[in-house]
Amino acid sequence: MSLLQYRVLNGWPLFFLIAVLTLTAMMAGLILIGVQTPEATVDLIRLSVQIASPWIFVAFVTSPLVQLFPGSMSKWLARNRRYVGLSFAAGFGWQAIFIAVLLTKYPSYYWEVLHNATDLSLRIVSYIFLLALTVTSFFPVRRKMRPEHWRRLHLAGIWYFWAAIWASYAPAALSSDAKAIHIVYFVLGLLVLFIRIVAYQRTRAGKSIHKTTGRDQSRGSGKCQEHVL
């Protein structure tokens, strides 16, 4: 049996495995970094984003990989895309927890140094968006939605969070004091975008060829009928 067929690497067991690993990493960060200063709390917020970021990139590139590279790995990703997306949401939840800690323990630092009211409003919108995507990932809710509405919501969501995550790393990656993690996520974000664009272009080319072939067949059929008549 292939490794990707093991139960623990599929469905809800995969989600819980990722959640446990995320919890372990965050607890280690809490022990090593702590929340004794506002700067340390901000470091934990950044750590939570760094842990959650790969999962949105994986979800973003899954469908293009299935189209461009059909095989056991891409099929496994497609089969578990829902749980990968939920893993991103769960990981991002840690950010909300430590933002709440920062607001509670160091409110003046949050408002005067880190963010202003506009930034907080945008962050709230992001969490509302994330909540909508999470809730509609469950089948009882999804069944109550029109398929086209569900697709539009999740298409907009996957693009929004790809852009938000990538844009959060881009300035740091392009700065003179860039760290390796910033460069890795900056390049990874561009890579998955490139793959998605290639898949989209191939889809468009295929549709164009199909339409051209259809027109040629129709013309050929018309000529044959005219000849018979």
C-alpha atoms as a PDB file:
ATOM      1  CA  MET A   1       0.000   0.000   0.000  1.00  0.00           C
ATOM      2  CA  SER A   2       1.270   3.460  -0.938  1.00  0.00           C
ATOM      3  CA  LEU A   3       2.253   5.813   1.879  1.00  0.00           C
ATOM      4  CA  LEU A   4      -0.355   8.332   0.678  1.00  0.00           C
ATOM      5  CA  GLN A   5      -3.100   5.745   1.179  1.00  0.00           C
ATOM      6  CA  TYR A   6      -2.548   5.390   4.913  1.00  0.00           C
ATOM      7  CA  ARG A   7      -5.577   6.496   6.901  1.00  0.00           C
ATOM      8  CA  VAL A   8      -3.600   8.902   9.070  1.00  0.00           C
ATOM      9  CA  LEU A   9      -2.597  10.861   5.960  1.00  0.00           C
ATOM     10  CA  ASN A  10      -6.112  11.288   4.624  1.00  0.00           C
ATOM     11  CA  GLY A  11      -9.256  13.106   5.663  1.00  0.00           C
ATOM     12  CA  TRP A  12      -9.851  14.137   9.242  1.00  0.00           C
ATOM     13  CA  PRO A  13      -6.881  12.138  10.613  1.00  0.00           C
ATOM     14  CA  LEU A  14      -4.628  14.269   8.391  1.00  0.00           C
ATOM     15  CA  PHE A  15      -6.237  17.441   9.709  1.00  0.00           C
ATOM     16  CA  PHE A  16      -5.790  16.371  13.330  1.00  0.00           C
ATOM     17  CA  LEU A  17      -2.184  15.359  12.623  1.00  0.00           C
ATOM     18  CA  ILE A  18      -1.429  18.813  11.224  1.00  0.00           C
ATOM     19  CA  ALA A  19      -3.305  20.432  14.119  1.00  0.00           C
ATOM     20  CA  VAL A  20      -1.249  18.507  16.677  1.00  0.00           C
ATOM     21  CA  LEU A  21       2.007  19.424  14.946  1.00  0.00           C
ATOM     22  CA  THR A  22       0.899  23.067  14.854  1.00  0.00           C
ATOM     23  CA  LEU A  23      -0.032  22.957  18.529  1.00  0.00           C
ATOM     24  CA  THR A  24       3.359  21.455  19.376  1.00  0.00           C
ATOM     25  CA  ALA A  25       5.189  24.168  17.444  1.00  0.00           C
ATOM     26  CA  MET A  26       3.157  26.946  19.043  1.00  0.00           C
ATOM     27  CA  MET A  27       3.652  25.558  22.553  1.00  0.00           C
ATOM     28  CA  ALA A  28       7.380  25.337  21.902  1.00  0.00           C
ATOM     29  CA  GLY A  29       7.311  28.933  20.691  1.00  0.00           C
ATOM     30  CA  LEU A  30       5.355  30.005  23.754  1.00  0.00           C
ATOM     31  CA  ILE A  31       7.912  28.378  26.054  1.00  0.00           C
ATOM     32  CA  LEU A  32      10.957  29.709  24.216  1.00  0.00           C
ATOM     33  CA  ILE A  33       9.656  33.168  23.294  1.00  0.00           C
ATOM     34  CA  GLY A  34       6.895  33.857  25.810  1.00  0.00           C
ATOM     35  CA  VAL A  35       4.571  36.847  26.064  1.00  0.00           C
ATOM     36  CA  GLN A  36       6.493  38.815  28.684  1.00  0.00           C
ATOM     37  CA  THR A  37       7.024  41.711  26.259  1.00  0.00           C
ATOM     38  CA  PRO A  38       4.944  43.079  23.378  1.00  0.00           C
ATOM     39  CA  GLU A  39       7.788  42.344  20.954  1.00  0.00           C
ATOM     40  CA  ALA A  40       7.840  38.692  22.032  1.00  0.00           C
ATOM     41  CA  THR A  41       4.079  38.450  21.545  1.00  0.00           C
ATOM     42  CA  VAL A  42       4.451  39.878  18.041  1.00  0.00           C
ATOM     43  CA  ASP A  43       7.066  37.202  17.341  1.00  0.00           C
ATOM     44  CA  LEU A  44       4.500  34.554  18.296  1.00  0.00           C
ATOM     45  CA  ILE A  45       1.958  36.165  15.966  1.00  0.00           C
ATOM     46  CA  ARG A  46       4.497  35.973  13.156  1.00  0.00           C
ATOM     47  CA  LEU A  47       5.315  32.366  14.045  1.00  0.00           C
ATOM     48  CA  SER A  48       1.646  31.414  13.767  1.00  0.00           C
ATOM     49  CA  VAL A  49       1.485  32.946  10.287  1.00  0.00           C
ATOM     50  CA  GLN A  50       4.674  31.174   9.229  1.00  0.00           C
ATOM     51  CA  ILE A  51       3.236  27.837  10.335  1.00  0.00           C
ATOM     52  CA  ALA A  52      -0.116  28.386   8.613  1.00  0.00           C
ATOM     53  CA  SER A  53       1.215  29.871   5.356  1.00  0.00           C
ATOM     54  CA  PRO A  54       2.287  26.651   3.574  1.00  0.00           C
ATOM     55  CA  TRP A  55      -1.230  25.244   3.723  1.00  0.00           C
ATOM     56  CA  ILE A  56      -2.809  28.123   1.808  1.00  0.00           C
ATOM     57  CA  PHE A  57      -0.126  27.788  -0.869  1.00  0.00           C
ATOM     58  CA  VAL A  58      -0.832  24.041  -1.119  1.00  0.00           C
ATOM     59  CA  ALA A  59      -4.581  24.627  -1.412  1.00  0.00           C
ATOM     60  CA  PHE A  60      -3.962  27.377  -3.990  1.00  0.00           C
ATOM     61  CA  VAL A  61      -1.918  25.136  -6.285  1.00  0.00           C
ATOM     62  CA  THR A  62      -3.772  21.813  -5.878  1.00  0.00           C
ATOM     63  CA  SER A  63      -6.158  22.081  -8.835  1.00  0.00           C
ATOM     64  CA  PRO A  64      -3.449  23.280 -11.267  1.00  0.00           C
ATOM     65  CA  LEU A  65      -1.191  20.402 -10.187  1.00  0.00           C
ATOM     66  CA  VAL A  66      -3.984  17.901 -10.876  1.00  0.00           C
ATOM     67  CA  GLN A  67      -4.356  19.386 -14.360  1.00  0.00           C
ATOM     68  CA  LEU A  68      -0.664  19.686 -15.200  1.00  0.00           C
ATOM     69  CA  PHE A  69       0.774  16.691 -13.363  1.00  0.00           C
ATOM     70  CA  PRO A  70      -1.904  14.017 -12.916  1.00  0.00           C
ATOM     71  CA  GLY A  71      -0.632  11.295 -10.636  1.00  0.00           C
ATOM     72  CA  SER A  72      -0.852   9.823  -7.171  1.00  0.00           C
ATOM     73  CA  MET A  73       0.531  12.913  -5.415  1.00  0.00           C
ATOM     74  CA  SER A  74      -1.747  15.436  -7.116  1.00  0.00           C
ATOM     75  CA  LYS A  75      -4.746  13.137  -6.616  1.00  0.00           C
ATOM     76  CA  TRP A  76      -3.864  12.865  -2.931  1.00  0.00           C
ATOM     77  CA  LEU A  77      -3.719  16.647  -2.702  1.00  0.00           C
ATOM     78  CA  ALA A  78      -7.090  16.973  -4.426  1.00  0.00           C
ATOM     79  CA  ARG A  79      -8.601  14.364  -2.126  1.00  0.00           C
ATOM     80  CA  ASN A  80      -7.377  16.236   0.933  1.00  0.00           C
ATOM     81  CA  ARG A  81      -7.623  19.836  -0.236  1.00  0.00           C
ATOM     82  CA  ARG A  82     -10.541  20.488   2.109  1.00  0.00           C
ATOM     83  CA  TYR A  83      -8.531  19.356   5.124  1.00  0.00           C
ATOM     84  CA  VAL A  84      -5.480  21.312   4.015  1.00  0.00           C
ATOM     85  CA  GLY A  85      -7.638  24.435   3.836  1.00  0.00           C
ATOM     86  CA  LEU A  86      -9.046  23.750   7.288  1.00  0.00           C
ATOM     87  CA  SER A  87      -5.490  23.286   8.557  1.00  0.00           C
ATOM     88  CA  PHE A  88      -4.704  26.783   7.315  1.00  0.00           C
ATOM     89  CA  ALA A  89      -7.754  28.136   9.127  1.00  0.00           C
ATOM     90  CA  ALA A  90      -6.800  26.340  12.340  1.00  0.00           C
ATOM     91  CA  GLY A  91      -3.224  27.581  12.110  1.00  0.00           C
ATOM     92  CA  PHE A  92      -4.415  31.107  11.483  1.00  0.00           C
ATOM     93  CA  GLY A  93      -6.556  30.827  14.579  1.00  0.00           C
ATOM     94  CA  TRP A  94      -3.366  30.978  16.640  1.00  0.00           C
ATOM     95  CA  GLN A  95      -2.723  34.410  15.195  1.00  0.00           C
ATOM     96  CA  ALA A  96      -6.087  35.563  16.523  1.00  0.00           C
ATOM     97  CA  ILE A  97      -5.251  34.164  19.963  1.00  0.00           C
ATOM     98  CA  PHE A  98      -1.964  36.019  20.246  1.00  0.00           C
ATOM     99  CA  ILE A  99      -3.439  39.210  18.808  1.00  0.00           C
ATOM    100  CA  ALA A 100      -6.002  38.993  21.594  1.00  0.00           C
ATOM    101  CA  VAL A 101      -3.147  38.529  24.096  1.00  0.00           C
ATOM    102  CA  LEU A 102      -1.366  41.561  22.659  1.00  0.00           C
ATOM    103  CA  LEU A 103      -4.515  43.698  22.825  1.00  0.00           C
ATOM    104  CA  THR A 104      -5.191  42.589  26.391  1.00  0.00           C
ATOM    105  CA  LYS A 105      -1.691  42.927  27.838  1.00  0.00           C
ATOM    106  CA  TYR A 106      -0.210  45.684  25.688  1.00  0.00           C
ATOM    107  CA  PRO A 107      -3.045  47.710  24.122  1.00  0.00           C
ATOM    108  CA  SER A 108      -0.991  50.910  23.789  1.00  0.00           C
ATOM    109  CA  TYR A 109       1.734  49.041  21.869  1.00  0.00           C
ATOM    110  CA  TYR A 110      -0.831  47.567  19.496  1.00  0.00           C
ATOM    111  CA  TRP A 111      -2.482  50.904  18.692  1.00  0.00           C
ATOM    112  CA  GLU A 112       0.570  53.162  18.748  1.00  0.00           C
ATOM    113  CA  VAL A 113       3.304  50.938  17.316  1.00  0.00           C
ATOM    114  CA  LEU A 114       1.864  47.931  15.512  1.00  0.00           C
ATOM    115  CA  HIS A 115      -1.496  48.817  13.979  1.00  0.00           C
ATOM    116  CA  ASN A 116      -4.067  51.536  13.635  1.00  0.00           C
ATOM    117  CA  ALA A 117      -7.859  51.377  13.384  1.00  0.00           C
ATOM    118  CA  THR A 118      -7.747  50.801   9.612  1.00  0.00           C
ATOM    119  CA  ASP A 119      -5.412  47.839   9.966  1.00  0.00           C
ATOM    120  CA  LEU A 120      -7.649  46.332  12.623  1.00  0.00           C
ATOM    121  CA  SER A 121     -10.692  46.761  10.387  1.00  0.00           C
ATOM    122  CA  LEU A 122      -8.950  44.943   7.532  1.00  0.00           C
ATOM    123  CA  ARG A 123      -7.894  42.185   9.901  1.00  0.00           C
ATOM    124  CA  ILE A 124     -11.479  41.779  11.118  1.00  0.00           C
ATOM    125  CA  VAL A 125     -12.661  41.511   7.504  1.00  0.00           C
ATOM    126  CA  SER A 126     -10.044  38.803   6.921  1.00  0.00           C
ATOM    127  CA  TYR A 127     -11.280  36.799   9.892  1.00  0.00           C
ATOM    128  CA  ILE A 128     -14.897  37.133   8.779  1.00  0.00           C
ATOM    129  CA  PHE A 129     -13.833  35.901   5.340  1.00  0.00           C
ATOM    130  CA  LEU A 130     -11.891  33.029   6.897  1.00  0.00           C
ATOM    131  CA  LEU A 131     -14.879  32.090   9.065  1.00  0.00           C
ATOM    132  CA  ALA A 132     -17.142  32.042   5.994  1.00  0.00           C
ATOM    133  CA  LEU A 133     -14.738  29.778   4.114  1.00  0.00           C
ATOM    134  CA  THR A 134     -14.391  27.462   7.104  1.00  0.00           C
ATOM    135  CA  VAL A 135     -18.112  27.129   7.801  1.00  0.00           C
ATOM    136  CA  THR A 136     -18.963  26.506   4.150  1.00  0.00           C
ATOM    137  CA  SER A 137     -16.313  23.769   3.965  1.00  0.00           C
ATOM    138  CA  PHE A 138     -18.637  21.502   5.922  1.00  0.00           C
ATOM    139  CA  PHE A 139     -21.045  19.566   3.735  1.00  0.00           C
ATOM    140  CA  PRO A 140     -24.320  20.328   5.634  1.00  0.00           C
ATOM    141  CA  VAL A 141     -23.718  24.047   5.040  1.00  0.00           C
ATOM    142  CA  ARG A 142     -22.357  23.563   1.544  1.00  0.00           C
ATOM    143  CA  ARG A 143     -25.462  21.625   0.477  1.00  0.00           C
ATOM    144  CA  LYS A 144     -27.637  24.615   1.379  1.00  0.00           C
ATOM    145  CA  MET A 145     -25.688  26.894  -0.965  1.00  0.00           C
ATOM    146  CA  ARG A 146     -26.006  27.157  -4.708  1.00  0.00           C
ATOM    147  CA  PRO A 147     -22.978  25.483  -6.331  1.00  0.00           C
ATOM    148  CA  GLU A 148     -22.020  28.621  -8.218  1.00  0.00           C
ATOM    149  CA  HIS A 149     -22.149  30.718  -5.028  1.00  0.00           C
ATOM    150  CA  TRP A 150     -19.964  28.229  -3.184  1.00  0.00           C
ATOM    151  CA  ARG A 151     -17.422  28.170  -6.019  1.00  0.00           C
ATOM    152  CA  ARG A 152     -17.276  31.976  -6.206  1.00  0.00           C
ATOM    153  CA  LEU A 153     -16.797  32.302  -2.455  1.00  0.00           C
ATOM    154  CA  HIS A 154     -13.977  29.775  -2.321  1.00  0.00           C
ATOM    155  CA  LEU A 155     -12.325  31.024  -5.495  1.00  0.00           C
ATOM    156  CA  ALA A 156     -12.315  34.554  -4.114  1.00  0.00           C
ATOM    157  CA  GLY A 157     -11.119  33.235  -0.758  1.00  0.00           C
ATOM    158  CA  ILE A 158      -8.191  31.249  -2.106  1.00  0.00           C
ATOM    159  CA  TRP A 159      -6.988  34.236  -4.139  1.00  0.00           C
ATOM    160  CA  TYR A 160      -7.503  36.666  -1.270  1.00  0.00           C
ATOM    161  CA  PHE A 161      -5.478  34.679   1.233  1.00  0.00           C
ATOM    162  CA  TRP A 162      -2.769  33.818  -1.288  1.00  0.00           C
ATOM    163  CA  ALA A 163      -2.369  37.546  -1.964  1.00  0.00           C
ATOM    164  CA  ALA A 164      -2.548  38.493   1.723  1.00  0.00           C
ATOM    165  CA  ILE A 165       0.068  35.937   2.779  1.00  0.00           C
ATOM    166  CA  TRP A 166       2.416  36.617  -0.124  1.00  0.00           C
ATOM    167  CA  ALA A 167       2.136  40.393   0.293  1.00  0.00           C
ATOM    168  CA  SER A 168       2.987  40.074   3.985  1.00  0.00           C
ATOM    169  CA  TYR A 169       6.332  38.460   3.087  1.00  0.00           C
ATOM    170  CA  ALA A 170       7.208  40.452  -0.039  1.00  0.00           C
ATOM    171  CA  PRO A 171       8.430  43.677   1.648  1.00  0.00           C
ATOM    172  CA  ALA A 172      10.572  41.757   4.144  1.00  0.00           C
ATOM    173  CA  ALA A 173      11.989  39.498   1.408  1.00  0.00           C
ATOM    174  CA  LEU A 174      13.002  42.509  -0.675  1.00  0.00           C
ATOM    175  CA  SER A 175      14.534  44.413   2.216  1.00  0.00           C
ATOM    176  CA  SER A 176      18.227  44.513   3.048  1.00  0.00           C
ATOM    177  CA  ASP A 177      17.731  42.554   6.283  1.00  0.00           C
ATOM    178  CA  ALA A 178      15.608  39.779   4.757  1.00  0.00           C
ATOM    179  CA  LYS A 179      15.578  36.463   6.557  1.00  0.00           C
ATOM    180  CA  ALA A 180      15.586  33.062   4.876  1.00  0.00           C
ATOM    181  CA  ILE A 181      11.948  32.386   5.828  1.00  0.00           C
ATOM    182  CA  HIS A 182      10.844  35.600   4.107  1.00  0.00           C
ATOM    183  CA  ILE A 183      12.659  34.718   0.879  1.00  0.00           C
ATOM    184  CA  VAL A 184      11.369  31.126   0.922  1.00  0.00           C
ATOM    185  CA  TYR A 185       7.730  32.167   1.228  1.00  0.00           C
ATOM    186  CA  PHE A 186       8.172  35.014  -1.254  1.00  0.00           C
ATOM    187  CA  VAL A 187       9.562  32.634  -3.888  1.00  0.00           C
ATOM    188  CA  LEU A 188       7.104  29.859  -3.021  1.00  0.00           C
ATOM    189  CA  GLY A 189       4.185  32.250  -3.436  1.00  0.00           C
ATOM    190  CA  LEU A 190       5.418  33.270  -6.881  1.00  0.00           C
ATOM    191  CA  LEU A 191       5.990  29.640  -7.844  1.00  0.00           C
ATOM    192  CA  VAL A 192       2.443  28.522  -7.042  1.00  0.00           C
ATOM    193  CA  LEU A 193       1.104  31.585  -8.857  1.00  0.00           C
ATOM    194  CA  PHE A 194       3.170  30.697 -11.933  1.00  0.00           C
ATOM    195  CA  ILE A 195       1.855  27.110 -11.881  1.00  0.00           C
ATOM    196  CA  ARG A 196      -1.709  28.352 -11.581  1.00  0.00           C
ATOM    197  CA  ILE A 197      -1.280  30.752 -14.514  1.00  0.00           C
ATOM    198  CA  VAL A 198       0.240  27.995 -16.687  1.00  0.00           C
ATOM    199  CA  ALA A 199      -2.702  25.713 -15.898  1.00  0.00           C
ATOM    200  CA  TYR A 200      -5.163  28.508 -16.703  1.00  0.00           C
ATOM    201  CA  GLN A 201      -3.476  29.226 -20.032  1.00  0.00           C
ATOM    202  CA  ARG A 202      -3.543  25.541 -20.925  1.00  0.00           C
ATOM    203  CA  THR A 203      -7.253  25.400 -20.114  1.00  0.00           C
ATOM    204  CA  ARG A 204      -7.917  28.417 -22.309  1.00  0.00           C
ATOM    205  CA  ALA A 205      -5.888  26.932 -25.144  1.00  0.00           C
ATOM    206  CA  GLY A 206      -7.795  23.661 -24.868  1.00  0.00           C
ATOM    207  CA  LYS A 207     -11.152  25.449 -25.017  1.00  0.00           C
ATOM    208  CA  SER A 208      -9.989  27.465 -28.026  1.00  0.00           C
ATOM    209  CA  ILE A 209      -8.901  24.327 -29.861  1.00  0.00           C
ATOM    210  CA  HIS A 210     -12.178  22.617 -28.977  1.00  0.00           C
ATOM    211  CA  LYS A 211     -14.233  25.530 -30.343  1.00  0.00           C
ATOM    212  CA  THR A 212     -12.161  25.676 -33.535  1.00  0.00           C
ATOM    213  CA  THR A 213     -12.507  21.924 -34.049  1.00  0.00           C
ATOM    214  CA  GLY A 214     -16.231  22.163 -33.439  1.00  0.00           C
ATOM    215  CA  ARG A 215     -16.631  24.901 -36.055  1.00  0.00           C
ATOM    216  CA  ASP A 216     -14.534  22.970 -38.571  1.00  0.00           C
ATOM    217  CA  GLN A 217     -16.623  19.853 -38.003  1.00  0.00           C
ATOM    218  CA  SER A 218     -19.823  21.824 -38.457  1.00  0.00           C
ATOM    219  CA  ARG A 219     -18.560  23.300 -41.716  1.00  0.00           C
ATOM    220  CA  GLY A 220     -17.426  19.909 -42.904  1.00  0.00           C
ATOM    221  CA  SER A 221     -20.792  18.411 -42.034  1.00  0.00           C
ATOM    222  CA  GLY A 222     -22.561  21.176 -43.912  1.00  0.00           C
ATOM    223  CA  LYS A 223     -20.423  20.574 -47.008  1.00  0.00           C
ATOM    224  CA  CYS A 224     -21.101  16.849 -46.886  1.00  0.00           C
ATOM    225  CA  GLN A 225     -24.842  17.426 -46.609  1.00  0.00           C
ATOM    226  CA  GLU A 226     -24.734  19.890 -49.498  1.00  0.00           C
ATOM    227  CA  HIS A 227     -22.857  17.373 -51.593  1.00  0.00           C
ATOM    228  CA  VAL A 228     -25.330  14.604 -50.818  1.00  0.00           C
ATOM    229  CA  LEU A 229     -28.295  16.806 -51.547  1.00  0.00           C
END
